[in-house]
PDB file of N, CA and C in Angstrom:
ATOM      1  N   MET A   1    -115.035 -31.575  33.671  1.00  0.00           N
ATOM      2  CA  MET A   1    -115.077 -31.083  32.316  1.00  0.00           C
ATOM      3  C   MET A   1    -116.234 -31.754  31.583  1.00  0.00           C
ATOM      4  N   ALA A   2    -116.934 -30.985  30.813  1.00  0.00           N
ATOM      5  CA  ALA A   2    -118.114 -31.504  30.134  1.00  0.00           C
ATOM      6  C   ALA A   2    -117.783 -32.058  28.750  1.00  0.00           C
ATOM      7  N   ASP A   3    -116.720 -31.582  28.141  1.00  0.00           N
ATOM      8  CA  ASP A   3    -116.377 -32.009  26.780  1.00  0.00           C
ATOM      9  C   ASP A   3    -115.751 -33.406  26.809  1.00  0.00           C
ATOM     10  N   PRO A   4    -116.335 -34.376  26.078  1.00  0.00           N
ATOM     11  CA  PRO A   4    -115.766 -35.739  26.094  1.00  0.00           C
ATOM     12  C   PRO A   4    -114.350 -35.798  25.536  1.00  0.00           C
ATOM     13  N   ALA A   5    -114.026 -34.950  24.552  1.00  0.00           N
ATOM     14  CA  ALA A   5    -112.667 -34.953  23.993  1.00  0.00           C
ATOM     15  C   ALA A   5    -111.649 -34.523  25.043  1.00  0.00           C
ATOM     16  N   LEU A   6    -112.015 -33.537  25.862  1.00  0.00           N
ATOM     17  CA  LEU A   6    -111.103 -33.093  26.922  1.00  0.00           C
ATOM     18  C   LEU A   6    -110.961 -34.146  28.006  1.00  0.00           C
ATOM     19  N   ASN A   7    -112.068 -34.812  28.344  1.00  0.00           N
ATOM     20  CA  ASN A   7    -112.001 -35.888  29.351  1.00  0.00           C
ATOM     21  C   ASN A   7    -111.107 -37.020  28.885  1.00  0.00           C
ATOM     22  N   GLU A   8    -111.212 -37.381  27.609  1.00  0.00           N
ATOM     23  CA  GLU A   8    -110.380 -38.457  27.059  1.00  0.00           C
ATOM     24  C   GLU A   8    -108.911 -38.046  27.032  1.00  0.00           C
ATOM     25  N   ALA A   9    -108.656 -36.808  26.613  1.00  0.00           N
ATOM     26  CA  ALA A   9    -107.281 -36.315  26.567  1.00  0.00           C
ATOM     27  C   ALA A   9    -106.688 -36.242  27.973  1.00  0.00           C
ATOM     28  N   LEU A  10    -107.499 -35.821  28.936  1.00  0.00           N
ATOM     29  CA  LEU A  10    -107.033 -35.746  30.318  1.00  0.00           C
ATOM     30  C   LEU A  10    -106.686 -37.127  30.855  1.00  0.00           C
ATOM     31  N   ALA A  11    -107.523 -38.105  30.545  1.00  0.00           N
ATOM     32  CA  ALA A  11    -107.267 -39.479  30.997  1.00  0.00           C
ATOM     33  C   ALA A  11    -106.006 -40.047  30.353  1.00  0.00           C
ATOM     34  N   LEU A  12    -105.788 -39.756  29.085  1.00  0.00           N
ATOM     35  CA  LEU A  12    -104.582 -40.238  28.404  1.00  0.00           C
ATOM     36  C   LEU A  12    -103.324 -39.592  28.969  1.00  0.00           C
ATOM     37  N   LEU A  13    -103.386 -38.301  29.240  1.00  0.00           N
ATOM     38  CA  LEU A  13    -102.228 -37.605  29.792  1.00  0.00           C
ATOM     39  C   LEU A  13    -101.871 -38.129  31.175  1.00  0.00           C
ATOM     40  N   GLN A  14    -102.873 -38.487  31.971  1.00  0.00           N
ATOM     41  CA  GLN A  14    -102.609 -38.948  33.320  1.00  0.00           C
ATOM     42  C   GLN A  14    -102.005 -40.344  33.357  1.00  0.00           C
ATOM     43  N   ARG A  15    -102.000 -41.037  32.238  1.00  0.00           N
ATOM     44  CA  ARG A  15    -101.349 -42.348  32.172  1.00  0.00           C
ATOM     45  C   ARG A  15     -99.839 -42.231  32.012  1.00  0.00           C
ATOM     46  N   ILE A  16     -99.349 -41.041  31.688  1.00  0.00           N
ATOM     47  CA  ILE A  16     -97.912 -40.811  31.526  1.00  0.00           C
ATOM     48  C   ILE A  16     -97.278 -40.697  32.907  1.00  0.00           C
ATOM     49  N   PRO A  17     -96.168 -41.404  33.162  1.00  0.00           N
ATOM     50  CA  PRO A  17     -95.512 -41.298  34.477  1.00  0.00           C
ATOM     51  C   PRO A  17     -95.104 -39.855  34.771  1.00  0.00           C
ATOM     52  N   GLY A  18     -95.415 -39.382  35.972  1.00  0.00           N
ATOM     53  CA  GLY A  18     -95.047 -38.035  36.392  1.00  0.00           C
ATOM     54  C   GLY A  18     -96.119 -36.998  36.138  1.00  0.00           C
ATOM     55  N   ILE A  19     -97.146 -37.341  35.374  1.00  0.00           N
ATOM     56  CA  ILE A  19     -98.211 -36.387  35.067  1.00  0.00           C
ATOM     57  C   ILE A  19     -99.488 -36.865  35.743  1.00  0.00           C
ATOM     58  N   LYS A  20     -99.996 -36.034  36.647  1.00  0.00           N
ATOM     59  CA  LYS A  20    -101.248 -36.335  37.341  1.00  0.00           C
ATOM     60  C   LYS A  20    -102.259 -35.241  37.025  1.00  0.00           C
ATOM     61  N   ASP A  21    -103.122 -34.884  37.954  1.00  0.00           N
ATOM     62  CA  ASP A  21    -104.235 -33.970  37.702  1.00  0.00           C
ATOM     63  C   ASP A  21    -103.807 -32.577  37.237  1.00  0.00           C
ATOM     64  N   GLU A  22    -103.029 -31.881  38.045  1.00  0.00           N
ATOM     65  CA  GLU A  22    -102.675 -30.497  37.729  1.00  0.00           C
ATOM     66  C   GLU A  22    -101.777 -30.375  36.497  1.00  0.00           C
ATOM     67  N   PRO A  23    -100.717 -31.182  36.365  1.00  0.00           N
ATOM     68  CA  PRO A  23     -99.914 -31.074  35.143  1.00  0.00           C
ATOM     69  C   PRO A  23    -100.712 -31.422  33.879  1.00  0.00           C
ATOM     70  N   ALA A  24    -101.595 -32.399  33.958  1.00  0.00           N
ATOM     71  CA  ALA A  24    -102.404 -32.760  32.790  1.00  0.00           C
ATOM     72  C   ALA A  24    -103.323 -31.610  32.410  1.00  0.00           C
ATOM     73  N   ALA A  25    -103.919 -30.964  33.401  1.00  0.00           N
ATOM     74  CA  ALA A  25    -104.786 -29.819  33.122  1.00  0.00           C
ATOM     75  C   ALA A  25    -103.983 -28.662  32.532  1.00  0.00           C
ATOM     76  N   SER A  26    -102.763 -28.477  33.012  1.00  0.00           N
ATOM     77  CA  SER A  26    -101.905 -27.412  32.489  1.00  0.00           C
ATOM     78  C   SER A  26    -101.533 -27.671  31.029  1.00  0.00           C
ATOM     79  N   VAL A  27    -101.190 -28.919  30.719  1.00  0.00           N
ATOM     80  CA  VAL A  27    -100.855 -29.272  29.328  1.00  0.00           C
ATOM     81  C   VAL A  27    -102.066 -29.051  28.425  1.00  0.00           C
ATOM     82  N   LEU A  28    -103.230 -29.460  28.882  1.00  0.00           N
ATOM     83  CA  LEU A  28    -104.442 -29.255  28.082  1.00  0.00           C
ATOM     84  C   LEU A  28    -104.757 -27.778  27.904  1.00  0.00           C
ATOM     85  N   ALA A  29    -104.503 -26.980  28.937  1.00  0.00           N
ATOM     86  CA  ALA A  29    -104.762 -25.547  28.837  1.00  0.00           C
ATOM     87  C   ALA A  29    -103.841 -24.885  27.822  1.00  0.00           C
ATOM     88  N   GLU A  30    -102.607 -25.329  27.749  1.00  0.00           N
ATOM     89  CA  GLU A  30    -101.643 -24.707  26.838  1.00  0.00           C
ATOM     90  C   GLU A  30    -101.737 -25.235  25.405  1.00  0.00           C
ATOM     91  N   VAL A  31    -101.937 -26.543  25.257  1.00  0.00           N
ATOM     92  CA  VAL A  31    -101.921 -27.156  23.928  1.00  0.00           C
ATOM     93  C   VAL A  31    -103.334 -27.370  23.400  1.00  0.00           C
ATOM     94  N   GLY A  32    -104.228 -27.806  24.261  1.00  0.00           N
ATOM     95  CA  GLY A  32    -105.581 -28.136  23.848  1.00  0.00           C
ATOM     96  C   GLY A  32    -105.701 -29.621  23.567  1.00  0.00           C
ATOM     97  N   ALA A  33    -106.933 -30.070  23.413  1.00  0.00           N
ATOM     98  CA  ALA A  33    -107.168 -31.499  23.165  1.00  0.00           C
ATOM     99  C   ALA A  33    -106.879 -31.872  21.721  1.00  0.00           C
ATOM    100  N   ASP A  34    -107.037 -30.926  20.809  1.00  0.00           N
ATOM    101  CA  ASP A  34    -106.810 -31.186  19.388  1.00  0.00           C
ATOM    102  C   ASP A  34    -105.433 -30.652  19.010  1.00  0.00           C
ATOM    103  N   VAL A  35    -104.495 -31.545  18.740  1.00  0.00           N
ATOM    104  CA  VAL A  35    -103.122 -31.124  18.433  1.00  0.00           C
ATOM    105  C   VAL A  35    -102.845 -31.148  16.921  1.00  0.00           C
ATOM    106  N   GLN A  36    -103.862 -30.935  16.139  1.00  0.00           N
ATOM    107  CA  GLN A  36    -103.688 -30.929  14.680  1.00  0.00           C
ATOM    108  C   GLN A  36    -102.784 -29.792  14.218  1.00  0.00           C
ATOM    109  N   GLN A  37    -102.636 -28.746  15.022  1.00  0.00           N
ATOM    110  CA  GLN A  37    -101.761 -27.637  14.651  1.00  0.00           C
ATOM    111  C   GLN A  37    -100.288 -28.027  14.678  1.00  0.00           C
ATOM    112  N   PHE A  38     -99.981 -29.158  15.314  1.00  0.00           N
ATOM    113  CA  PHE A  38     -98.620 -29.674  15.361  1.00  0.00           C
ATOM    114  C   PHE A  38     -98.596 -31.020  14.642  1.00  0.00           C
ATOM    115  N   PRO A  39     -98.222 -31.051  13.362  1.00  0.00           N
ATOM    116  CA  PRO A  39     -98.240 -32.316  12.615  1.00  0.00           C
ATOM    117  C   PRO A  39     -97.298 -33.383  13.176  1.00  0.00           C
ATOM    118  N   THR A  40     -96.205 -32.970  13.822  1.00  0.00           N
ATOM    119  CA  THR A  40     -95.261 -33.951  14.361  1.00  0.00           C
ATOM    120  C   THR A  40     -94.927 -33.602  15.809  1.00  0.00           C
ATOM    121  N   ALA A  41     -94.426 -34.590  16.523  1.00  0.00           N
ATOM    122  CA  ALA A  41     -94.005 -34.373  17.910  1.00  0.00           C
ATOM    123  C   ALA A  41     -92.814 -33.416  17.967  1.00  0.00           C
ATOM    124  N   VAL A  42     -91.991 -33.418  16.934  1.00  0.00           N
ATOM    125  CA  VAL A  42     -90.828 -32.530  16.896  1.00  0.00           C
ATOM    126  C   VAL A  42     -91.281 -31.074  16.873  1.00  0.00           C
ATOM    127  N   GLN A  43     -92.337 -30.782  16.120  1.00  0.00           N
ATOM    128  CA  GLN A  43     -92.832 -29.408  16.059  1.00  0.00           C
ATOM    129  C   GLN A  43     -93.437 -28.970  17.392  1.00  0.00           C
ATOM    130  N   LEU A  44     -94.113 -29.881  18.075  1.00  0.00           N
ATOM    131  CA  LEU A  44     -94.670 -29.559  19.388  1.00  0.00           C
ATOM    132  C   LEU A  44     -93.559 -29.311  20.400  1.00  0.00           C
ATOM    133  N   SER A  45     -92.530 -30.139  20.407  1.00  0.00           N
ATOM    134  CA  SER A  45     -91.439 -29.939  21.366  1.00  0.00           C
ATOM    135  C   SER A  45     -90.637 -28.683  21.039  1.00  0.00           C
ATOM    136  N   SER A  46     -90.566 -28.332  19.773  1.00  0.00           N
ATOM    137  CA  SER A  46     -89.896 -27.095  19.395  1.00  0.00           C
ATOM    138  C   SER A  46     -90.697 -25.885  19.860  1.00  0.00           C
ATOM    139  N   TRP A  47     -92.011 -25.930  19.705  1.00  0.00           N
ATOM    140  CA  TRP A  47     -92.875 -24.842  20.161  1.00  0.00           C
ATOM    141  C   TRP A  47     -92.804 -24.703  21.682  1.00  0.00           C
ATOM    142  N   THR A  48     -92.675 -25.818  22.351  1.00  0.00           N
ATOM    143  CA  THR A  48     -92.567 -25.807  23.813  1.00  0.00           C
ATOM    144  C   THR A  48     -91.235 -25.207  24.247  1.00  0.00           C
ATOM    145  N   GLY A  49     -90.212 -25.369  23.442  1.00  0.00           N
ATOM    146  CA  GLY A  49     -88.888 -24.856  23.781  1.00  0.00           C
ATOM    147  C   GLY A  49     -88.007 -25.904  24.410  1.00  0.00           C
ATOM    148  N   LEU A  50     -88.336 -27.173  24.224  1.00  0.00           N
ATOM    149  CA  LEU A  50     -87.548 -28.244  24.825  1.00  0.00           C
ATOM    150  C   LEU A  50     -86.539 -28.857  23.864  1.00  0.00           C
ATOM    151  N   CYS A  51     -86.505 -28.419  22.626  1.00  0.00           N
ATOM    152  CA  CYS A  51     -85.493 -28.889  21.677  1.00  0.00           C
ATOM    153  C   CYS A  51     -84.219 -28.083  21.889  1.00  0.00           C
ATOM    154  N   PRO A  52     -83.073 -28.724  21.888  1.00  0.00           N
ATOM    155  CA  PRO A  52     -81.848 -27.949  22.040  1.00  0.00           C
ATOM    156  C   PRO A  52     -81.579 -27.109  20.804  1.00  0.00           C
ATOM    157  N   ALA A  53     -81.096 -25.913  21.038  1.00  0.00           N
ATOM    158  CA  ALA A  53     -80.727 -25.040  19.930  1.00  0.00           C
ATOM    159  C   ALA A  53     -79.427 -25.554  19.321  1.00  0.00           C
ATOM    160  N   ASN A  54     -79.231 -25.293  18.065  1.00  0.00           N
ATOM    161  CA  ASN A  54     -78.033 -25.749  17.385  1.00  0.00           C
ATOM    162  C   ASN A  54     -77.407 -24.562  16.667  1.00  0.00           C
ATOM    163  N   HIS A  55     -76.685 -23.758  17.412  1.00  0.00           N
ATOM    164  CA  HIS A  55     -76.016 -22.598  16.843  1.00  0.00           C
ATOM    165  C   HIS A  55     -74.573 -22.985  16.565  1.00  0.00           C
ATOM    166  N   GLU A  56     -74.299 -23.282  15.311  1.00  0.00           N
ATOM    167  CA  GLU A  56     -72.975 -23.757  14.930  1.00  0.00           C
ATOM    168  C   GLU A  56     -72.515 -22.986  13.703  1.00  0.00           C
ATOM    169  N   SER A  57     -71.267 -22.612  13.690  1.00  0.00           N
ATOM    170  CA  SER A  57     -70.697 -21.912  12.554  1.00  0.00           C
ATOM    171  C   SER A  57     -69.294 -22.448  12.312  1.00  0.00           C
ATOM    172  N   ALA A  58     -69.047 -22.922  11.125  1.00  0.00           N
ATOM    173  CA  ALA A  58     -67.743 -23.452  10.727  1.00  0.00           C
ATOM    174  C   ALA A  58     -67.285 -24.568  11.660  1.00  0.00           C
ATOM    175  N   GLY A  59     -68.224 -25.392  12.108  1.00  0.00           N
ATOM    176  CA  GLY A  59     -67.887 -26.524  12.954  1.00  0.00           C
ATOM    177  C   GLY A  59     -67.682 -26.185  14.411  1.00  0.00           C
ATOM    178  N   ILE A  60     -67.867 -24.918  14.786  1.00  0.00           N
ATOM    179  CA  ILE A  60     -67.693 -24.504  16.169  1.00  0.00           C
ATOM    180  C   ILE A  60     -69.076 -24.259  16.765  1.00  0.00           C
ATOM    181  N   LYS A  61     -69.368 -24.964  17.855  1.00  0.00           N
ATOM    182  CA  LYS A  61     -70.668 -24.798  18.505  1.00  0.00           C
ATOM    183  C   LYS A  61     -70.670 -23.519  19.326  1.00  0.00           C
ATOM    184  N   LYS A  62     -71.640 -22.679  19.067  1.00  0.00           N
ATOM    185  CA  LYS A  62     -71.774 -21.422  19.797  1.00  0.00           C
ATOM    186  C   LYS A  62     -72.609 -21.606  21.062  1.00  0.00           C
ATOM    187  N   SER A  63     -73.718 -22.359  20.960  1.00  0.00           N
ATOM    188  CA  SER A  63     -74.596 -22.554  22.102  1.00  0.00           C
ATOM    189  C   SER A  63     -75.428 -23.805  21.881  1.00  0.00           C
ATOM    190  N   VAL A  64     -75.671 -24.542  22.943  1.00  0.00           N
ATOM    191  CA  VAL A  64     -76.535 -25.722  22.858  1.00  0.00           C
ATOM    192  C   VAL A  64     -77.644 -25.633  23.906  1.00  0.00           C
ATOM    193  N   ARG A  65     -77.951 -24.418  24.339  1.00  0.00           N
ATOM    194  CA  ARG A  65     -79.029 -24.225  25.298  1.00  0.00           C
ATOM    195  C   ARG A  65     -80.368 -24.516  24.625  1.00  0.00           C
ATOM    196  N   THR A  66     -81.383 -24.760  25.449  1.00  0.00           N
ATOM    197  CA  THR A  66     -82.710 -24.953  24.880  1.00  0.00           C
ATOM    198  C   THR A  66     -83.263 -23.611  24.419  1.00  0.00           C
ATOM    199  N   ASN A  67     -84.140 -23.683  23.438  1.00  0.00           N
ATOM    200  CA  ASN A  67     -84.747 -22.478  22.887  1.00  0.00           C
ATOM    201  C   ASN A  67     -85.778 -21.901  23.837  1.00  0.00           C
ATOM    202  N   ARG A  68     -86.096 -20.630  23.611  1.00  0.00           N
ATOM    203  CA  ARG A  68     -87.213 -20.051  24.336  1.00  0.00           C
ATOM    204  C   ARG A  68     -88.485 -20.631  23.735  1.00  0.00           C
ATOM    205  N   GLY A  69     -89.465 -20.794  24.525  1.00  0.00           N
ATOM    206  CA  GLY A  69     -90.722 -21.352  24.055  1.00  0.00           C
ATOM    207  C   GLY A  69     -91.822 -21.006  25.027  1.00  0.00           C
ATOM    208  N   ASN A  70     -92.820 -21.833  25.084  1.00  0.00           N
ATOM    209  CA  ASN A  70     -93.930 -21.639  26.002  1.00  0.00           C
ATOM    210  C   ASN A  70     -93.435 -21.958  27.410  1.00  0.00           C
ATOM    211  N   VAL A  71     -93.215 -20.919  28.212  1.00  0.00           N
ATOM    212  CA  VAL A  71     -92.575 -21.106  29.515  1.00  0.00           C
ATOM    213  C   VAL A  71     -93.440 -21.912  30.479  1.00  0.00           C
ATOM    214  N   TRP A  72     -94.766 -21.783  30.395  1.00  0.00           N
ATOM    215  CA  TRP A  72     -95.648 -22.500  31.308  1.00  0.00           C
ATOM    216  C   TRP A  72     -95.617 -23.994  31.010  1.00  0.00           C
ATOM    217  N   LEU A  73     -95.709 -24.337  29.748  1.00  0.00           N
ATOM    218  CA  LEU A  73     -95.699 -25.750  29.363  1.00  0.00           C
ATOM    219  C   LEU A  73     -94.316 -26.362  29.583  1.00  0.00           C
ATOM    220  N   LYS A  74     -93.287 -25.603  29.297  1.00  0.00           N
ATOM    221  CA  LYS A  74     -91.913 -26.073  29.482  1.00  0.00           C
ATOM    222  C   LYS A  74     -91.652 -26.396  30.954  1.00  0.00           C
ATOM    223  N   THR A  75     -92.097 -25.510  31.848  1.00  0.00           N
ATOM    224  CA  THR A  75     -91.923 -25.721  33.282  1.00  0.00           C
ATOM    225  C   THR A  75     -92.703 -26.936  33.764  1.00  0.00           C
ATOM    226  N   THR A  76     -93.942 -27.055  33.304  1.00  0.00           N
ATOM    227  CA  THR A  76     -94.781 -28.185  33.719  1.00  0.00           C
ATOM    228  C   THR A  76     -94.174 -29.505  33.280  1.00  0.00           C
ATOM    229  N   LEU A  77     -93.722 -29.585  32.030  1.00  0.00           N
ATOM    230  CA  LEU A  77     -93.160 -30.835  31.525  1.00  0.00           C
ATOM    231  C   LEU A  77     -91.820 -31.166  32.185  1.00  0.00           C
ATOM    232  N   THR A  78     -91.027 -30.154  32.495  1.00  0.00           N
ATOM    233  CA  THR A  78     -89.753 -30.380  33.163  1.00  0.00           C
ATOM    234  C   THR A  78     -89.978 -30.919  34.581  1.00  0.00           C
ATOM    235  N   GLN A  79     -90.913 -30.319  35.315  1.00  0.00           N
ATOM    236  CA  GLN A  79     -91.202 -30.798  36.667  1.00  0.00           C
ATOM    237  C   GLN A  79     -91.800 -32.201  36.637  1.00  0.00           C
ATOM    238  N   SER A  80     -92.619 -32.484  35.635  1.00  0.00           N
ATOM    239  CA  SER A  80     -93.201 -33.822  35.515  1.00  0.00           C
ATOM    240  C   SER A  80     -92.128 -34.857  35.202  1.00  0.00           C
ATOM    241  N   ALA A  81     -91.150 -34.477  34.401  1.00  0.00           N
ATOM    242  CA  ALA A  81     -90.045 -35.394  34.087  1.00  0.00           C
ATOM    243  C   ALA A  81     -89.232 -35.692  35.340  1.00  0.00           C
ATOM    244  N   TRP A  82     -88.975 -34.666  36.163  1.00  0.00           N
ATOM    245  CA  TRP A  82     -88.258 -34.890  37.417  1.00  0.00           C
ATOM    246  C   TRP A  82     -89.058 -35.793  38.341  1.00  0.00           C
ATOM    247  N   ALA A  83     -90.373 -35.592  38.393  1.00  0.00           N
ATOM    248  CA  ALA A  83     -91.221 -36.431  39.250  1.00  0.00           C
ATOM    249  C   ALA A  83     -91.199 -37.881  38.780  1.00  0.00           C
ATOM    250  N   ALA A  84     -91.189 -38.074  37.469  1.00  0.00           N
ATOM    251  CA  ALA A  84     -91.167 -39.448  36.925  1.00  0.00           C
ATOM    252  C   ALA A  84     -89.845 -40.130  37.222  1.00  0.00           C
ATOM    253  N   THR A  85     -88.742 -39.397  37.180  1.00  0.00           N
ATOM    254  CA  THR A  85     -87.442 -40.028  37.440  1.00  0.00           C
ATOM    255  C   THR A  85     -87.249 -40.339  38.912  1.00  0.00           C
ATOM    256  N   ASN A  86     -87.920 -39.610  39.795  1.00  0.00           N
ATOM    257  CA  ASN A  86     -87.788 -39.844  41.238  1.00  0.00           C
ATOM    258  C   ASN A  86     -88.748 -40.904  41.750  1.00  0.00           C
ATOM    259  N   ARG A  87     -89.621 -41.395  40.918  1.00  0.00           N
ATOM    260  CA  ARG A  87     -90.594 -42.394  41.337  1.00  0.00           C
ATOM    261  C   ARG A  87     -89.941 -43.770  41.458  1.00  0.00           C
ATOM    262  N   LYS A  88     -90.203 -44.449  42.545  1.00  0.00           N
ATOM    263  CA  LYS A  88     -89.632 -45.777  42.742  1.00  0.00           C
ATOM    264  C   LYS A  88     -90.282 -46.757  41.782  1.00  0.00           C
ATOM    265  N   GLY A  89     -89.475 -47.635  41.189  1.00  0.00           N
ATOM    266  CA  GLY A  89     -89.982 -48.638  40.265  1.00  0.00           C
ATOM    267  C   GLY A  89     -90.210 -48.114  38.859  1.00  0.00           C
ATOM    268  N   SER A  90     -89.831 -46.870  38.598  1.00  0.00           N
ATOM    269  CA  SER A  90     -90.004 -46.291  37.269  1.00  0.00           C
ATOM    270  C   SER A  90     -88.907 -46.803  36.341  1.00  0.00           C
ATOM    271  N   GLN A  91     -89.232 -46.970  35.086  1.00  0.00           N
ATOM    272  CA  GLN A  91     -88.236 -47.405  34.121  1.00  0.00           C
ATOM    273  C   GLN A  91     -87.236 -46.314  33.803  1.00  0.00           C
ATOM    274  N   LEU A  92     -87.539 -45.086  34.182  1.00  0.00           N
ATOM    275  CA  LEU A  92     -86.618 -43.993  33.949  1.00  0.00           C
ATOM    276  C   LEU A  92     -85.560 -43.963  35.026  1.00  0.00           C
TER     277      LEU A  92
END
């Protein structure tokens, strides 16, 4: 990659346990290097579809499934989380 911002973002992403070359490139392709469009991490995770839905009426929970979101990013992050938990010596 020729853009220094993308190279820096790629290097930072690869420092996260479970995320290596391909998942980092996938995250950058979906989100981009500049995440100013998401002021908080909560908004980014909601856009991804990894926040649990909270469908509740009169104290009765209807559904707690995760929301629909960006399926490519959701899949990449889920697989990376599984890879991080299966790594020996990981704090997870």
